[in-house]
Structures are given as structure tokens and as C-alpha cells.
Protein backbone atom coordinates (compact mmCIF):
# COMPACT_ATOMS: atom_id res chain seq x y z
CA MET A 1 -40.00 -54.44 -15.71
CA ASP A 2 -40.16 -53.89 -11.89
CA ARG A 3 -43.32 -55.10 -10.17
CA LYS A 4 -43.78 -51.75 -8.59
CA VAL A 5 -44.28 -50.32 -12.18
CA VAL A 6 -47.05 -52.85 -12.75
CA GLU A 7 -48.85 -52.02 -9.45
CA GLN A 8 -48.53 -48.23 -10.14
CA TYR A 9 -50.23 -48.78 -13.55
CA ARG A 10 -52.87 -50.93 -11.87
CA LEU A 11 -53.75 -48.21 -9.29
CA ALA A 12 -53.79 -45.49 -12.04
CA LEU A 13 -56.11 -47.52 -14.28
CA PHE A 14 -58.52 -48.57 -11.63
CA GLY A 15 -58.49 -45.09 -10.14
CA ARG A 16 -59.66 -43.89 -13.53
CA MET A 17 -62.53 -46.30 -13.44
CA VAL A 18 -63.98 -45.27 -10.07
CA MET A 19 -66.47 -43.08 -11.72
CA GLY A 20 -67.62 -45.86 -14.00
CA VAL A 21 -68.12 -48.24 -11.14
CA ALA A 22 -70.10 -45.62 -9.31
CA HIS A 23 -72.28 -45.25 -12.44
CA GLU A 24 -73.06 -48.97 -12.40
CA ILE A 25 -73.81 -48.95 -8.70
CA ASP A 26 -76.18 -46.00 -9.09
CA ASN A 27 -78.09 -47.92 -11.82
CA HIS A 28 -78.78 -50.83 -9.49
CA LEU A 29 -79.37 -48.58 -6.46
CA SER A 30 -82.20 -46.95 -8.37
CA VAL A 31 -83.87 -50.36 -8.61
CA VAL A 32 -83.41 -50.95 -4.88
CA LEU A 33 -85.02 -47.59 -4.07
CA GLY A 34 -87.76 -47.84 -6.71
CA PHE A 35 -88.99 -51.22 -5.56
CA SER A 36 -88.71 -50.23 -1.90
CA GLU A 37 -91.33 -47.57 -2.61
CA LEU A 38 -93.43 -50.10 -4.59
CA ILE A 39 -93.39 -52.42 -1.53
CA GLN A 40 -94.62 -49.66 0.65
CA LEU A 41 -97.48 -48.92 -1.69
CA ALA A 42 -98.43 -52.54 -2.34
CA ALA A 43 -97.95 -53.85 1.21
CA GLY A 44 -101.49 -55.30 1.29
CA ASN A 45 -100.77 -57.63 -1.74
CA GLU A 46 -98.67 -60.53 -0.70
CA GLN A 47 -97.54 -61.61 -4.10
CA LYS A 48 -96.38 -58.18 -5.09
CA VAL A 49 -94.56 -57.87 -1.89
CA ARG A 50 -92.64 -61.19 -2.59
CA ASP A 51 -91.87 -60.14 -6.22
CA GLY A 52 -90.61 -56.61 -5.05
CA ALA A 53 -88.57 -58.10 -2.36
CA GLY A 54 -86.95 -60.57 -4.87
CA LYS A 55 -86.00 -57.68 -7.23
CA ILE A 56 -84.55 -55.75 -4.34
CA LEU A 57 -82.50 -58.76 -3.32
CA SER A 58 -81.33 -59.33 -6.88
CA ALA A 59 -80.27 -55.69 -7.31
CA GLY A 60 -78.45 -55.68 -3.98
CA GLU A 61 -76.52 -58.82 -4.87
CA LYS A 62 -75.36 -57.24 -8.18
CA ILE A 63 -74.16 -54.14 -6.21
CA GLY A 64 -72.27 -56.37 -3.91
CA ALA A 65 -70.84 -58.35 -6.78
CA ILE A 66 -69.61 -55.21 -8.70
CA VAL A 67 -67.87 -53.88 -5.66
CA GLN A 68 -66.31 -57.10 -4.74
CA ARG A 69 -64.94 -57.71 -8.26
CA PHE A 70 -63.56 -54.28 -8.61
CA SER A 71 -61.93 -54.47 -5.17
CA ARG A 72 -60.31 -57.82 -6.00
CA HIS A 73 -58.80 -56.51 -9.21
CA VAL A 74 -57.45 -53.32 -7.81
CA ARG A 75 -55.37 -54.79 -4.85
CA PRO A 76 -51.61 -55.03 -5.41
CA HIS A 77 -50.51 -58.63 -5.00
CA ALA A 78 -47.73 -61.06 -5.72
CA PRO A 79 -48.37 -63.09 -8.91
CA SER A 80 -49.95 -66.40 -8.18
CA PRO A 81 -51.12 -68.65 -11.11
CA GLU A 82 -54.42 -70.38 -10.61
CA PRO A 83 -56.93 -72.11 -12.88
CA PHE A 84 -59.85 -69.87 -13.91
CA VAL A 85 -62.41 -69.76 -16.64
CA PRO A 86 -61.91 -66.86 -19.15
CA GLY A 87 -65.51 -67.18 -20.15
CA GLU A 88 -66.52 -65.92 -16.70
CA MET A 89 -63.58 -63.51 -16.32
CA ILE A 90 -63.99 -61.40 -19.54
CA PRO A 91 -67.66 -60.45 -18.95
CA GLU A 92 -66.59 -59.51 -15.45
CA ILE A 93 -63.85 -57.21 -16.76
CA LEU A 94 -66.30 -55.65 -19.35
CA LEU A 95 -68.87 -55.11 -16.57
CA PHE A 96 -66.95 -52.58 -14.57
CA SER A 97 -65.02 -51.05 -17.45
CA ARG A 98 -67.73 -50.61 -20.06
CA TYR A 99 -68.81 -47.13 -18.87
CA ASP A 100 -65.28 -45.70 -19.18
CA LEU A 101 -64.44 -47.52 -22.37
CA GLY A 102 -67.56 -46.16 -23.96
CA ARG A 103 -66.53 -42.49 -23.88
CA ASP A 104 -65.90 -40.43 -26.99
CA ASN A 105 -68.49 -42.29 -29.18
CA VAL A 106 -66.79 -45.66 -28.65
CA THR A 107 -69.17 -48.63 -28.73
CA VAL A 108 -68.12 -51.63 -26.65
CA LEU A 109 -69.52 -54.71 -28.46
CA PRO A 110 -71.57 -57.17 -26.46
CA ASN A 111 -69.89 -59.89 -24.43
CA PRO A 112 -68.20 -62.27 -26.92
CA GLU A 113 -68.74 -66.00 -27.17
CA ILE A 114 -65.83 -67.59 -25.36
CA PRO A 115 -64.99 -71.33 -25.77
CA PRO A 116 -65.20 -73.36 -22.65
CA GLY A 117 -61.91 -74.05 -21.13
CA ILE A 118 -59.51 -73.38 -18.25
CA LEU A 119 -56.54 -70.85 -18.22
CA HIS A 120 -53.77 -71.38 -15.78
CA ALA A 121 -52.42 -67.82 -15.02
CA ASP A 122 -52.49 -65.14 -12.46
CA ARG A 123 -56.27 -64.08 -12.68
CA ARG A 124 -55.73 -60.49 -11.80
CA ASP A 125 -52.72 -59.97 -13.94
CA PHE A 126 -54.55 -61.29 -16.92
CA GLY A 127 -57.40 -58.98 -16.20
CA LEU A 128 -55.00 -56.00 -16.05
CA ALA A 129 -53.30 -56.99 -19.32
CA LEU A 130 -56.69 -57.32 -21.05
CA LEU A 131 -57.84 -53.94 -19.59
CA ALA A 132 -54.64 -52.24 -20.81
CA LEU A 133 -55.41 -53.46 -24.34
CA LEU A 134 -59.01 -52.36 -24.17
CA PHE A 135 -58.23 -48.90 -22.95
CA ASN A 136 -55.50 -48.55 -25.48
CA GLY A 137 -57.95 -49.48 -28.20
CA ALA A 138 -60.66 -47.09 -26.86
CA GLU A 139 -58.05 -44.27 -26.70
CA ALA A 140 -57.06 -44.90 -30.34
CA MET A 141 -60.62 -44.00 -31.26
CA SER A 142 -61.07 -40.94 -29.03
CA GLU A 143 -61.21 -38.61 -31.97
CA THR A 144 -63.28 -40.70 -34.38
CA GLY A 145 -65.34 -43.11 -32.29
CA GLY A 146 -65.92 -46.69 -33.42
CA GLU A 147 -66.37 -50.17 -32.26
CA LEU A 148 -64.27 -52.05 -29.67
CA GLY A 149 -64.47 -55.77 -29.51
CA VAL A 150 -62.94 -58.77 -27.74
CA ARG A 151 -62.67 -62.30 -29.05
CA ALA A 152 -61.23 -65.52 -27.61
CA SER A 153 -60.34 -68.89 -29.20
CA ILE A 154 -58.24 -71.99 -28.38
CA ASP A 155 -55.84 -73.77 -30.79
CA ASP A 156 -52.90 -76.18 -30.40
CA ALA A 157 -50.66 -73.37 -28.98
CA GLY A 158 -53.18 -72.42 -26.29
CA TRP A 159 -55.47 -69.41 -25.66
CA ARG A 160 -55.72 -66.47 -28.10
CA PHE A 161 -57.43 -63.25 -27.05
CA THR A 162 -57.83 -60.37 -29.45
CA VAL A 163 -58.94 -56.78 -28.80
CA SER A 164 -59.86 -54.95 -32.05
CA ASP A 165 -60.51 -51.20 -32.56
CA GLN A 166 -61.45 -48.97 -35.54
CA GLY A 167 -58.86 -46.31 -34.82
CA THR A 168 -56.18 -44.94 -37.23
CA GLY A 169 -53.89 -47.94 -36.96
CA ILE A 170 -50.11 -48.13 -36.35
CA PRO A 171 -47.69 -46.01 -38.45
CA ALA A 172 -45.16 -48.11 -40.36
CA GLY A 173 -42.10 -48.91 -38.31
CA PHE A 174 -43.83 -48.38 -34.95
CA GLU A 175 -45.07 -51.91 -34.40
CA GLU A 176 -42.41 -52.51 -31.66
CA LYS A 177 -41.74 -48.90 -30.52
CA VAL A 178 -45.30 -48.75 -28.97
CA PHE A 179 -44.19 -51.34 -26.43
CA GLU A 180 -41.43 -49.15 -25.09
CA GLU A 181 -42.06 -47.84 -21.58
CA GLY A 182 -43.16 -44.25 -21.68
CA PHE A 183 -43.80 -43.98 -25.39
CA THR A 184 -47.02 -42.39 -26.34
CA SER A 185 -48.30 -40.26 -29.20
CA ARG A 186 -51.14 -38.74 -27.24
CA THR A 187 -51.37 -36.07 -24.61
CA GLY A 188 -53.16 -35.97 -21.32
CA THR A 189 -52.58 -36.97 -17.73
CA PHE A 190 -53.47 -40.64 -18.28
CA HIS A 191 -51.52 -41.14 -21.49
CA THR A 192 -48.27 -42.37 -19.80
CA GLY A 193 -47.26 -44.88 -22.49
CA MET A 194 -47.41 -47.77 -19.92
CA GLY A 195 -50.46 -49.79 -20.91
CA LEU A 196 -48.87 -51.78 -23.73
CA PRO A 197 -45.64 -52.34 -22.03
CA VAL A 198 -47.36 -53.65 -18.88
CA ALA A 199 -49.65 -55.89 -20.97
CA ARG A 200 -46.69 -57.48 -22.78
CA HIS A 201 -44.71 -57.90 -19.51
CA LEU A 202 -47.54 -59.68 -17.74
CA ALA A 203 -48.17 -61.95 -20.69
CA GLU A 204 -44.46 -62.84 -20.83
CA GLN A 205 -44.46 -63.58 -17.14
CA ALA A 206 -47.29 -66.08 -17.85
CA GLY A 207 -45.21 -67.64 -20.76
CA GLY A 208 -47.16 -65.83 -23.45
CA THR A 209 -46.79 -62.91 -25.90
CA VAL A 210 -48.60 -59.69 -26.77
CA GLN A 211 -48.61 -58.37 -30.41
CA LEU A 212 -50.08 -55.28 -31.99
CA ALA A 213 -50.86 -55.15 -35.80
CA ASN A 214 -53.01 -53.17 -38.16
CA GLY A 215 -56.36 -54.75 -39.02
CA SER A 216 -57.48 -55.81 -42.48
CA GLY A 217 -59.38 -52.58 -42.69
CA ASP A 218 -59.16 -49.57 -40.39
CA GLY A 219 -57.93 -49.94 -36.83
CA ARG A 220 -55.65 -52.29 -34.99
CA VAL A 221 -55.73 -55.76 -33.45
CA ALA A 222 -53.95 -56.49 -30.27
CA THR A 223 -53.40 -60.19 -29.56
CA ILE A 224 -52.55 -62.03 -26.31
CA ARG A 225 -51.31 -65.53 -26.65
CA LEU A 226 -51.09 -67.67 -23.53
CA PRO A 227 -50.31 -71.37 -23.08
CA MET A 228 -53.01 -73.65 -21.67
CA ARG A 229 -50.65 -74.56 -18.75
CA PRO A 230 -48.37 -72.13 -16.77
CA ARG A 231 -44.74 -72.43 -17.65
CA ALA A 232 -42.45 -74.20 -15.29
């Protein structure tokens, strides 16, 4: 897969999430504005002034962090493996994608417990691969709704990340066809059939794999396997 294809998908996906990020920013800005008014009303009470100012500062920092994280992930870049902590990365990804993932009666489960450890890979490419699987799972439930969850674990082979949904599952014989570029069973401007191929390509670039299988009940489980250390 050409790197240009990866970056085109990245821009399309993050462009879709602009409204979600704007929603999160509006939530924190309402705190900034609300406590600004409180400070004006309670200017004669020193303790309330300090408390209000602290809340404004906290909300402002959250706004800056959301914008900074979003901007970092959306920029095209040349792959560059680095050590990072998945336990910090995954909540970050869920923070600015939760609003968009939660459309159509989809419930994004709370941040998972992630084992402590370091992953050596391209941080932003890992984030894009995970987002691709999350949006694929959410889209599989667009007609029925359901729960979307992420889990992470470590074994002798390295890191294991799973994204589970409660959609209709994969028809028999389509387990590999869904990874073909451009293949999609859905309609719409965003359903380009590139999410799963991009996720698999990025995982393979990091020496790992992506697999998609039906769950034990309804839905599917997408699994990213990545080694603890980058391949030579």
C-alpha cells in the first residue's frame, strides 16, 4: 500500500471527527465562561475567586490538550518508531473520537484497564490503526446500536489489542475479503472500504498483524498483535 493512501485515509477520518472535537471543546468552554461569570459575581470573596480561577485554568488546559492531541494525530508524517505507553495513548484516542463513535445508539465503553508497559512503534500510525478498527466496529452497529469496547493485554508474543462490537458479524467466507482495498458492504460518502486495509498495512509495517473474526455471541472482534520491540 502506498503511503499516500494511508495519509488520504488519515485526513478523511480526522476530517470526519472535526465536529466531535468541536463538541468536546464547547463542553470545556462552557465551564470557562460559566466560572468567569462566577468570578465577577464573587469578586469580593478571595477564596471563591481562587477556586473559580483554578477551575478556569483547568478547563483551559483541557481545551489546549484536546486541540494539541488532535493536531498531532492528523498531520501526515514519515513513519518513525518510538517508545510510548499504550495506557496513555488509548484514552487519548477515545477522548477525541468518542462523540463520533457514539452515533446511532452506539455506546463506547469506559476507558479499559491497560497493563503497564511500553510499545515501540509509530505512535500516530498505531492511533490511526486503532481508530480505523473502532470506526469499523461502530459502523457495523449503525442500524442496531450496541456496545463498542477496547481491551489490551500482554503475553509472550507482545501486545494484543482487541476492538469488539455487537454488530451482525462477518458472513462466512468474507474473513479476508474485508481487508481488500475498496471492499465495503455499506453505502455512504465515508464508506470507502479503506479502514481495515489501512489498519492491517500499518500493523504489518510495525511487524504485527490485524485479524477480524466473529465473536462468541453477536458481533465481531478485531485484533491487533504487535511485538514488544520494533522489527529490525
